[in-house]
Amino acid sequence: MSDRPVAVVLPPEHVDRVAAEPVPLSPLPRLSAPQPLTVGIAAIDHSGRLRDRAVMTALAWRAGDPIAVQVHPTAIALRRVADGPFRLDGRVQAFIPAGTRALFGLRTGDRVTLVAAPAQDLLLVHPMTVLTDVLASYDASLLAGNRVG
């Protein structure tokens, strides 16, 4: 047996090592106003699934529905589409892929805020830090005596 490195596993010396450009994220979908929204909170299970009965009922999503996942700067958007790569399971739980969870630092047991926009067949999944930031900003404005909204 040879102790020499095999050429197949050695990187070519002439390859330039260029830092990869980050993939540009699309902005969050605009919610058409006025429309009723349903808000819920769910914990992510060990397989990346989550569910809130009121949210799924508002969306009228059913087991087997195809779902597409999009990453945005502050949220994960799930949308029911005809050719979605993911499907709702038998318990009507939505799935967030491992890579997407990693981008947001989401782990098993983490709770997320769900915002359902039934008119757009859209579910926005926000890490709890987004909700706490919004509430902190609102509360700070109230405490400062500023009028909000």
N, C-alpha and C. Protein backbone atom coordinates (compact mmCIF):
# COMPACT_ATOMS: atom_id res chain seq x y z
N MET A 1 0.83 -1.19 0.00
CA MET A 1 0.00 0.00 0.00
C MET A 1 0.87 1.25 0.00
N SER A 2 0.49 2.25 -0.74
CA SER A 2 1.27 3.47 -0.89
C SER A 2 0.83 4.51 0.14
N ASP A 3 1.79 5.25 0.69
CA ASP A 3 1.49 6.32 1.63
C ASP A 3 1.37 7.67 0.94
N ARG A 4 1.51 7.66 -0.36
CA ARG A 4 1.40 8.91 -1.12
C ARG A 4 -0.07 9.29 -1.28
N PRO A 5 -0.37 10.62 -1.28
CA PRO A 5 -1.74 11.05 -1.56
C PRO A 5 -2.13 10.69 -2.99
N VAL A 6 -3.34 10.36 -3.16
CA VAL A 6 -3.85 10.02 -4.48
C VAL A 6 -4.30 11.31 -5.15
N ALA A 7 -3.93 11.49 -6.40
CA ALA A 7 -4.22 12.73 -7.12
C ALA A 7 -5.70 13.06 -7.20
N VAL A 8 -6.55 12.08 -7.16
CA VAL A 8 -8.00 12.31 -7.27
C VAL A 8 -8.52 13.15 -6.11
N VAL A 9 -7.94 13.02 -4.94
CA VAL A 9 -8.46 13.75 -3.79
C VAL A 9 -7.70 15.04 -3.49
N LEU A 10 -6.68 15.35 -4.27
CA LEU A 10 -5.96 16.60 -4.09
C LEU A 10 -6.61 17.69 -4.93
N PRO A 11 -6.80 18.89 -4.34
CA PRO A 11 -7.38 19.98 -5.14
C PRO A 11 -6.38 20.46 -6.18
N PRO A 12 -6.86 20.81 -7.36
CA PRO A 12 -5.95 21.34 -8.37
C PRO A 12 -5.32 22.64 -7.88
N GLU A 13 -4.04 22.81 -8.17
CA GLU A 13 -3.33 24.00 -7.68
C GLU A 13 -3.75 25.26 -8.40
N HIS A 14 -4.27 25.13 -9.61
CA HIS A 14 -4.62 26.32 -10.40
C HIS A 14 -6.03 26.84 -10.12
N VAL A 15 -6.79 26.18 -9.25
CA VAL A 15 -8.15 26.62 -8.97
C VAL A 15 -8.09 27.83 -8.04
N ASP A 16 -8.73 28.91 -8.45
CA ASP A 16 -8.80 30.11 -7.61
C ASP A 16 -9.82 29.89 -6.52
N ARG A 17 -9.46 30.25 -5.34
CA ARG A 17 -10.38 30.12 -4.21
C ARG A 17 -11.09 31.46 -4.05
N VAL A 18 -12.30 31.54 -4.50
CA VAL A 18 -13.09 32.77 -4.46
C VAL A 18 -14.21 32.58 -3.45
N ALA A 19 -14.37 33.56 -2.59
CA ALA A 19 -15.46 33.50 -1.62
C ALA A 19 -16.79 33.53 -2.36
N ALA A 20 -17.67 32.65 -1.96
CA ALA A 20 -18.98 32.59 -2.60
C ALA A 20 -19.80 33.82 -2.24
N GLU A 21 -20.48 34.36 -3.21
CA GLU A 21 -21.38 35.49 -2.98
C GLU A 21 -22.63 34.96 -2.29
N PRO A 22 -23.13 35.67 -1.28
CA PRO A 22 -24.37 35.21 -0.66
C PRO A 22 -25.53 35.29 -1.66
N VAL A 23 -26.43 34.35 -1.55
CA VAL A 23 -27.60 34.33 -2.42
C VAL A 23 -28.53 35.46 -1.98
N PRO A 24 -28.94 36.32 -2.91
CA PRO A 24 -29.83 37.41 -2.51
C PRO A 24 -31.18 36.85 -2.09
N LEU A 25 -31.70 37.39 -0.99
CA LEU A 25 -32.99 36.95 -0.48
C LEU A 25 -34.08 37.85 -1.02
N SER A 26 -35.19 37.26 -1.36
CA SER A 26 -36.30 38.05 -1.86
C SER A 26 -37.03 38.69 -0.69
N PRO A 27 -37.66 39.84 -0.93
CA PRO A 27 -38.40 40.49 0.16
C PRO A 27 -39.62 39.67 0.54
N LEU A 28 -40.10 39.91 1.74
CA LEU A 28 -41.31 39.21 2.19
C LEU A 28 -42.47 39.52 1.26
N PRO A 29 -43.35 38.55 1.03
CA PRO A 29 -44.53 38.84 0.21
C PRO A 29 -45.37 39.92 0.87
N ARG A 30 -45.89 40.81 0.07
CA ARG A 30 -46.79 41.84 0.61
C ARG A 30 -48.14 41.22 0.89
N LEU A 31 -48.64 41.48 2.08
CA LEU A 31 -49.96 40.99 2.43
C LEU A 31 -50.97 42.02 1.94
N SER A 32 -51.89 41.56 1.11
CA SER A 32 -52.90 42.49 0.60
C SER A 32 -53.83 42.89 1.74
N ALA A 33 -54.03 44.18 1.90
CA ALA A 33 -54.83 44.67 3.01
C ALA A 33 -56.18 45.10 2.49
N PRO A 34 -57.23 45.08 3.24
CA PRO A 34 -57.25 44.39 4.51
C PRO A 34 -57.60 42.91 4.29
N GLN A 35 -56.99 42.07 5.05
CA GLN A 35 -57.34 40.65 5.00
C GLN A 35 -57.18 40.08 6.39
N PRO A 36 -58.01 39.14 6.72
CA PRO A 36 -57.87 38.55 8.05
C PRO A 36 -56.60 37.69 8.11
N LEU A 37 -55.88 37.85 9.19
CA LEU A 37 -54.70 37.03 9.45
C LEU A 37 -54.97 36.19 10.69
N THR A 38 -54.42 35.01 10.71
CA THR A 38 -54.50 34.17 11.90
C THR A 38 -53.07 33.98 12.39
N VAL A 39 -52.87 34.24 13.68
CA VAL A 39 -51.53 34.15 14.27
C VAL A 39 -51.50 33.01 15.28
N GLY A 40 -50.41 32.28 15.29
CA GLY A 40 -50.25 31.19 16.24
C GLY A 40 -48.79 31.04 16.62
N ILE A 41 -48.55 30.15 17.56
CA ILE A 41 -47.19 29.84 18.00
C ILE A 41 -47.06 28.32 18.00
N ALA A 42 -45.93 27.83 17.49
CA ALA A 42 -45.70 26.39 17.45
C ALA A 42 -44.25 26.10 17.79
N ALA A 43 -44.02 24.89 18.27
CA ALA A 43 -42.66 24.42 18.53
C ALA A 43 -42.23 23.52 17.38
N ILE A 44 -40.97 23.61 17.01
CA ILE A 44 -40.43 22.77 15.94
C ILE A 44 -40.04 21.42 16.53
N ASP A 45 -40.50 20.34 15.92
CA ASP A 45 -40.14 19.01 16.43
C ASP A 45 -38.78 18.57 15.87
N HIS A 46 -38.34 17.38 16.27
CA HIS A 46 -37.01 16.90 15.89
C HIS A 46 -36.84 16.69 14.39
N SER A 47 -37.95 16.60 13.66
CA SER A 47 -37.88 16.42 12.21
C SER A 47 -38.12 17.71 11.43
N GLY A 48 -38.26 18.82 12.13
CA GLY A 48 -38.48 20.09 11.45
C GLY A 48 -39.93 20.38 11.14
N ARG A 49 -40.83 19.61 11.75
CA ARG A 49 -42.26 19.84 11.50
C ARG A 49 -42.83 20.77 12.57
N LEU A 50 -43.89 21.48 12.18
CA LEU A 50 -44.59 22.35 13.12
C LEU A 50 -46.06 22.41 12.75
N ARG A 51 -46.86 22.77 13.75
CA ARG A 51 -48.30 22.80 13.49
C ARG A 51 -49.00 23.65 14.54
N ASP A 52 -49.97 24.40 14.09
CA ASP A 52 -50.91 25.09 14.97
C ASP A 52 -52.27 24.87 14.34
N ARG A 53 -53.15 24.25 15.09
CA ARG A 53 -54.46 23.86 14.53
C ARG A 53 -55.23 25.05 13.98
N ALA A 54 -55.28 26.16 14.71
CA ALA A 54 -56.05 27.33 14.25
C ALA A 54 -55.47 27.89 12.95
N VAL A 55 -54.15 27.91 12.85
CA VAL A 55 -53.50 28.43 11.64
C VAL A 55 -53.80 27.53 10.44
N MET A 56 -53.64 26.23 10.62
CA MET A 56 -53.88 25.31 9.51
C MET A 56 -55.36 25.28 9.12
N THR A 57 -56.24 25.43 10.08
CA THR A 57 -57.67 25.49 9.78
C THR A 57 -57.98 26.75 8.98
N ALA A 58 -57.39 27.88 9.37
CA ALA A 58 -57.62 29.14 8.65
C ALA A 58 -57.14 29.03 7.20
N LEU A 59 -56.03 28.35 6.99
CA LEU A 59 -55.49 28.19 5.63
C LEU A 59 -56.24 27.14 4.82
N ALA A 60 -56.96 26.26 5.50
CA ALA A 60 -57.68 25.14 4.87
C ALA A 60 -56.71 24.21 4.15
N TRP A 61 -55.49 24.08 4.71
CA TRP A 61 -54.53 23.15 4.16
C TRP A 61 -54.87 21.74 4.64
N ARG A 62 -54.64 20.77 3.78
CA ARG A 62 -54.99 19.37 4.07
C ARG A 62 -53.76 18.48 3.93
N ALA A 63 -53.83 17.30 4.53
CA ALA A 63 -52.77 16.31 4.42
C ALA A 63 -52.48 16.04 2.94
N GLY A 64 -51.20 16.01 2.59
CA GLY A 64 -50.80 15.74 1.22
C GLY A 64 -50.66 16.96 0.34
N ASP A 65 -51.12 18.12 0.81
CA ASP A 65 -50.99 19.34 0.00
C ASP A 65 -49.52 19.63 -0.27
N PRO A 66 -49.17 19.98 -1.53
CA PRO A 66 -47.78 20.32 -1.84
C PRO A 66 -47.45 21.74 -1.38
N ILE A 67 -46.26 21.88 -0.80
CA ILE A 67 -45.85 23.15 -0.20
C ILE A 67 -44.48 23.54 -0.75
N ALA A 68 -44.31 24.83 -1.05
CA ALA A 68 -43.01 25.38 -1.43
C ALA A 68 -42.50 26.23 -0.26
N VAL A 69 -41.20 26.26 -0.09
CA VAL A 69 -40.58 27.01 0.99
C VAL A 69 -39.66 28.06 0.39
N GLN A 70 -39.78 29.30 0.87
CA GLN A 70 -38.91 30.40 0.45
C GLN A 70 -38.29 31.03 1.68
N VAL A 71 -37.03 31.41 1.57
CA VAL A 71 -36.33 32.05 2.68
C VAL A 71 -36.31 33.56 2.44
N HIS A 72 -36.67 34.31 3.46
CA HIS A 72 -36.66 35.77 3.43
C HIS A 72 -35.80 36.24 4.60
N PRO A 73 -35.41 37.49 4.64
CA PRO A 73 -34.52 37.95 5.71
C PRO A 73 -35.06 37.72 7.13
N THR A 74 -36.35 37.87 7.34
CA THR A 74 -36.89 37.73 8.71
C THR A 74 -37.91 36.62 8.84
N ALA A 75 -38.16 35.88 7.79
CA ALA A 75 -39.20 34.86 7.87
C ALA A 75 -38.97 33.75 6.84
N ILE A 76 -39.64 32.66 7.10
CA ILE A 76 -39.71 31.54 6.16
C ILE A 76 -41.14 31.54 5.63
N ALA A 77 -41.29 31.57 4.31
CA ALA A 77 -42.62 31.60 3.71
C ALA A 77 -42.94 30.21 3.17
N LEU A 78 -44.09 29.68 3.58
CA LEU A 78 -44.58 28.42 3.05
C LEU A 78 -45.85 28.73 2.27
N ARG A 79 -45.92 28.20 1.09
CA ARG A 79 -47.06 28.48 0.23
C ARG A 79 -47.52 27.18 -0.42
N ARG A 80 -48.83 26.99 -0.44
CA ARG A 80 -49.39 25.82 -1.13
C ARG A 80 -49.35 26.10 -2.63
N VAL A 81 -48.64 25.23 -3.35
CA VAL A 81 -48.49 25.38 -4.80
C VAL A 81 -48.68 24.01 -5.45
N ALA A 82 -49.02 24.01 -6.72
CA ALA A 82 -49.33 22.76 -7.41
C ALA A 82 -48.15 21.79 -7.47
N ASP A 83 -46.94 22.33 -7.58
CA ASP A 83 -45.78 21.45 -7.75
C ASP A 83 -44.76 21.61 -6.63
N GLY A 84 -45.20 21.87 -5.41
CA GLY A 84 -44.29 22.07 -4.28
C GLY A 84 -43.47 20.83 -3.97
N PRO A 85 -42.22 21.02 -3.58
CA PRO A 85 -41.34 19.88 -3.30
C PRO A 85 -41.62 19.18 -1.98
N PHE A 86 -42.40 19.80 -1.10
CA PHE A 86 -42.72 19.21 0.20
C PHE A 86 -44.22 18.99 0.30
N ARG A 87 -44.62 18.09 1.17
CA ARG A 87 -46.05 17.80 1.37
C ARG A 87 -46.39 17.88 2.86
N LEU A 88 -47.60 18.33 3.13
CA LEU A 88 -48.08 18.28 4.51
C LEU A 88 -48.27 16.82 4.88
N ASP A 89 -47.87 16.46 6.08
CA ASP A 89 -48.01 15.06 6.48
C ASP A 89 -49.44 14.76 6.92
N GLY A 90 -49.68 13.55 7.36
CA GLY A 90 -51.02 13.11 7.74
C GLY A 90 -51.63 13.88 8.89
N ARG A 91 -50.80 14.51 9.70
CA ARG A 91 -51.30 15.32 10.81
C ARG A 91 -51.38 16.80 10.43
N VAL A 92 -51.23 17.09 9.14
CA VAL A 92 -51.26 18.45 8.59
C VAL A 92 -50.20 19.32 9.29
N GLN A 93 -49.00 18.78 9.36
CA GLN A 93 -47.86 19.52 9.90
C GLN A 93 -47.01 20.02 8.73
N ALA A 94 -46.59 21.25 8.82
CA ALA A 94 -45.71 21.82 7.80
C ALA A 94 -44.28 21.41 8.12
N PHE A 95 -43.46 21.34 7.09
CA PHE A 95 -42.07 20.93 7.24
C PHE A 95 -41.14 22.07 6.83
N ILE A 96 -40.13 22.32 7.67
CA ILE A 96 -39.11 23.30 7.34
C ILE A 96 -37.80 22.52 7.16
N PRO A 97 -37.21 22.57 5.98
CA PRO A 97 -35.99 21.82 5.71
C PRO A 97 -34.85 22.18 6.69
N ALA A 98 -33.96 21.23 6.93
CA ALA A 98 -32.87 21.40 7.88
C ALA A 98 -31.99 22.60 7.54
N GLY A 99 -31.68 22.79 6.27
CA GLY A 99 -30.85 23.92 5.86
C GLY A 99 -31.50 25.26 6.17
N THR A 100 -32.79 25.32 5.97
CA THR A 100 -33.53 26.54 6.26
C THR A 100 -33.57 26.79 7.76
N ARG A 101 -33.81 25.74 8.54
CA ARG A 101 -33.79 25.89 10.00
C ARG A 101 -32.42 26.37 10.46
N ALA A 102 -31.37 25.84 9.87
CA ALA A 102 -30.01 26.24 10.26
C ALA A 102 -29.76 27.72 9.96
N LEU A 103 -30.26 28.22 8.81
CA LEU A 103 -30.09 29.63 8.47
C LEU A 103 -30.67 30.55 9.54
N PHE A 104 -31.76 30.12 10.15
CA PHE A 104 -32.43 30.92 11.17
C PHE A 104 -32.03 30.53 12.58
N GLY A 105 -31.13 29.55 12.72
CA GLY A 105 -30.70 29.11 14.04
C GLY A 105 -31.79 28.39 14.82
N LEU A 106 -32.74 27.78 14.10
CA LEU A 106 -33.86 27.10 14.76
C LEU A 106 -33.48 25.66 15.08
N ARG A 107 -33.80 25.26 16.30
CA ARG A 107 -33.48 23.91 16.77
C ARG A 107 -34.74 23.23 17.30
N THR A 108 -34.62 21.95 17.52
CA THR A 108 -35.74 21.18 18.08
C THR A 108 -36.24 21.86 19.35
N GLY A 109 -37.55 22.03 19.43
CA GLY A 109 -38.17 22.64 20.61
C GLY A 109 -38.30 24.14 20.54
N ASP A 110 -37.59 24.79 19.61
CA ASP A 110 -37.72 26.25 19.48
C ASP A 110 -39.14 26.60 19.05
N ARG A 111 -39.64 27.68 19.63
CA ARG A 111 -40.98 28.13 19.28
C ARG A 111 -40.86 29.23 18.23
N VAL A 112 -41.81 29.24 17.32
CA VAL A 112 -41.85 30.22 16.24
C VAL A 112 -43.24 30.84 16.18
N THR A 113 -43.31 32.03 15.61
CA THR A 113 -44.59 32.70 15.40
C THR A 113 -45.06 32.38 13.99
N LEU A 114 -46.31 31.98 13.87
CA LEU A 114 -46.91 31.65 12.58
C LEU A 114 -47.93 32.72 12.23
N VAL A 115 -47.87 33.20 11.00
CA VAL A 115 -48.85 34.17 10.52
C VAL A 115 -49.45 33.60 9.23
N ALA A 116 -50.73 33.28 9.29
CA ALA A 116 -51.43 32.72 8.14
C ALA A 116 -52.17 33.84 7.41
N ALA A 117 -51.98 33.90 6.10
CA ALA A 117 -52.70 34.83 5.23
C ALA A 117 -53.49 33.97 4.24
N PRO A 118 -54.70 33.54 4.63
CA PRO A 118 -55.47 32.62 3.79
C PRO A 118 -55.75 33.14 2.39
N ALA A 119 -55.95 34.45 2.23
CA ALA A 119 -56.25 35.00 0.90
C ALA A 119 -55.09 34.78 -0.07
N GLN A 120 -53.89 34.60 0.45
CA GLN A 120 -52.71 34.38 -0.38
C GLN A 120 -52.19 32.95 -0.27
N ASP A 121 -52.91 32.10 0.48
CA ASP A 121 -52.47 30.71 0.67
C ASP A 121 -51.03 30.69 1.19
N LEU A 122 -50.75 31.52 2.19
CA LEU A 122 -49.40 31.78 2.64
C LEU A 122 -49.29 31.61 4.15
N LEU A 123 -48.21 30.96 4.57
CA LEU A 123 -47.88 30.84 5.99
C LEU A 123 -46.49 31.41 6.18
N LEU A 124 -46.38 32.44 7.01
CA LEU A 124 -45.08 33.02 7.35
C LEU A 124 -44.66 32.47 8.71
N VAL A 125 -43.43 32.00 8.77
CA VAL A 125 -42.87 31.45 10.00
C VAL A 125 -41.75 32.39 10.44
N HIS A 126 -41.94 33.02 11.60
CA HIS A 126 -40.96 33.97 12.12
C HIS A 126 -40.30 33.39 13.37
N PRO A 127 -38.98 33.49 13.48
CA PRO A 127 -38.34 33.16 14.75
C PRO A 127 -38.90 34.07 15.84
N MET A 128 -38.93 33.62 17.08
CA MET A 128 -39.49 34.42 18.16
C MET A 128 -38.76 35.75 18.34
N THR A 129 -37.51 35.84 17.93
CA THR A 129 -36.78 37.10 18.06
C THR A 129 -37.44 38.21 17.25
N VAL A 130 -38.06 37.86 16.14
CA VAL A 130 -38.75 38.87 15.33
C VAL A 130 -39.94 39.43 16.12
N LEU A 131 -40.72 38.55 16.72
CA LEU A 131 -41.88 38.99 17.51
C LEU A 131 -41.43 39.82 18.70
N THR A 132 -40.41 39.37 19.41
CA THR A 132 -39.97 40.13 20.58
C THR A 132 -39.39 41.49 20.18
N ASP A 133 -38.72 41.56 19.03
CA ASP A 133 -38.21 42.85 18.56
C ASP A 133 -39.35 43.81 18.23
N VAL A 134 -40.38 43.30 17.56
CA VAL A 134 -41.54 44.14 17.22
C VAL A 134 -42.23 44.62 18.49
N LEU A 135 -42.45 43.71 19.43
CA LEU A 135 -43.12 44.10 20.68
C LEU A 135 -42.28 45.06 21.50
N ALA A 136 -40.98 44.85 21.55
CA ALA A 136 -40.10 45.76 22.29
C ALA A 136 -40.15 47.16 21.68
N SER A 137 -40.15 47.25 20.37
CA SER A 137 -40.22 48.54 19.69
C SER A 137 -41.55 49.23 19.98
N TYR A 138 -42.63 48.46 19.91
CA TYR A 138 -43.96 49.00 20.19
C TYR A 138 -44.06 49.48 21.63
N ASP A 139 -43.60 48.64 22.56
CA ASP A 139 -43.66 48.99 23.98
C ASP A 139 -42.79 50.21 24.29
N ALA A 140 -41.61 50.29 23.68
CA ALA A 140 -40.73 51.44 23.90
C ALA A 140 -41.39 52.71 23.40
N SER A 141 -42.11 52.62 22.29
CA SER A 141 -42.81 53.76 21.74
C SER A 141 -43.93 54.21 22.68
N LEU A 142 -44.64 53.24 23.24
CA LEU A 142 -45.71 53.57 24.19
C LEU A 142 -45.15 54.21 25.44
N LEU A 143 -44.05 53.65 25.95
CA LEU A 143 -43.44 54.18 27.17
C LEU A 143 -42.89 55.58 26.96
N ALA A 144 -42.48 55.88 25.74
CA ALA A 144 -41.94 57.21 25.43
C ALA A 144 -43.05 58.21 25.19
N GLY A 145 -44.29 57.75 25.20
CA GLY A 145 -45.42 58.63 24.97
C GLY A 145 -45.71 58.90 23.50
N ASN A 146 -45.05 58.16 22.64
CA ASN A 146 -45.29 58.34 21.21
C ASN A 146 -46.55 57.59 20.80
N ARG A 147 -47.19 58.14 19.83
CA ARG A 147 -48.37 57.48 19.29
C ARG A 147 -47.94 56.45 18.25
N VAL A 148 -48.46 55.25 18.34
CA VAL A 148 -48.11 54.18 17.41
C VAL A 148 -49.29 53.93 16.51
N GLY A 149 -48.98 53.76 15.19
CA GLY A 149 -50.00 53.37 14.22
C GLY A 149 -50.91 54.45 13.95
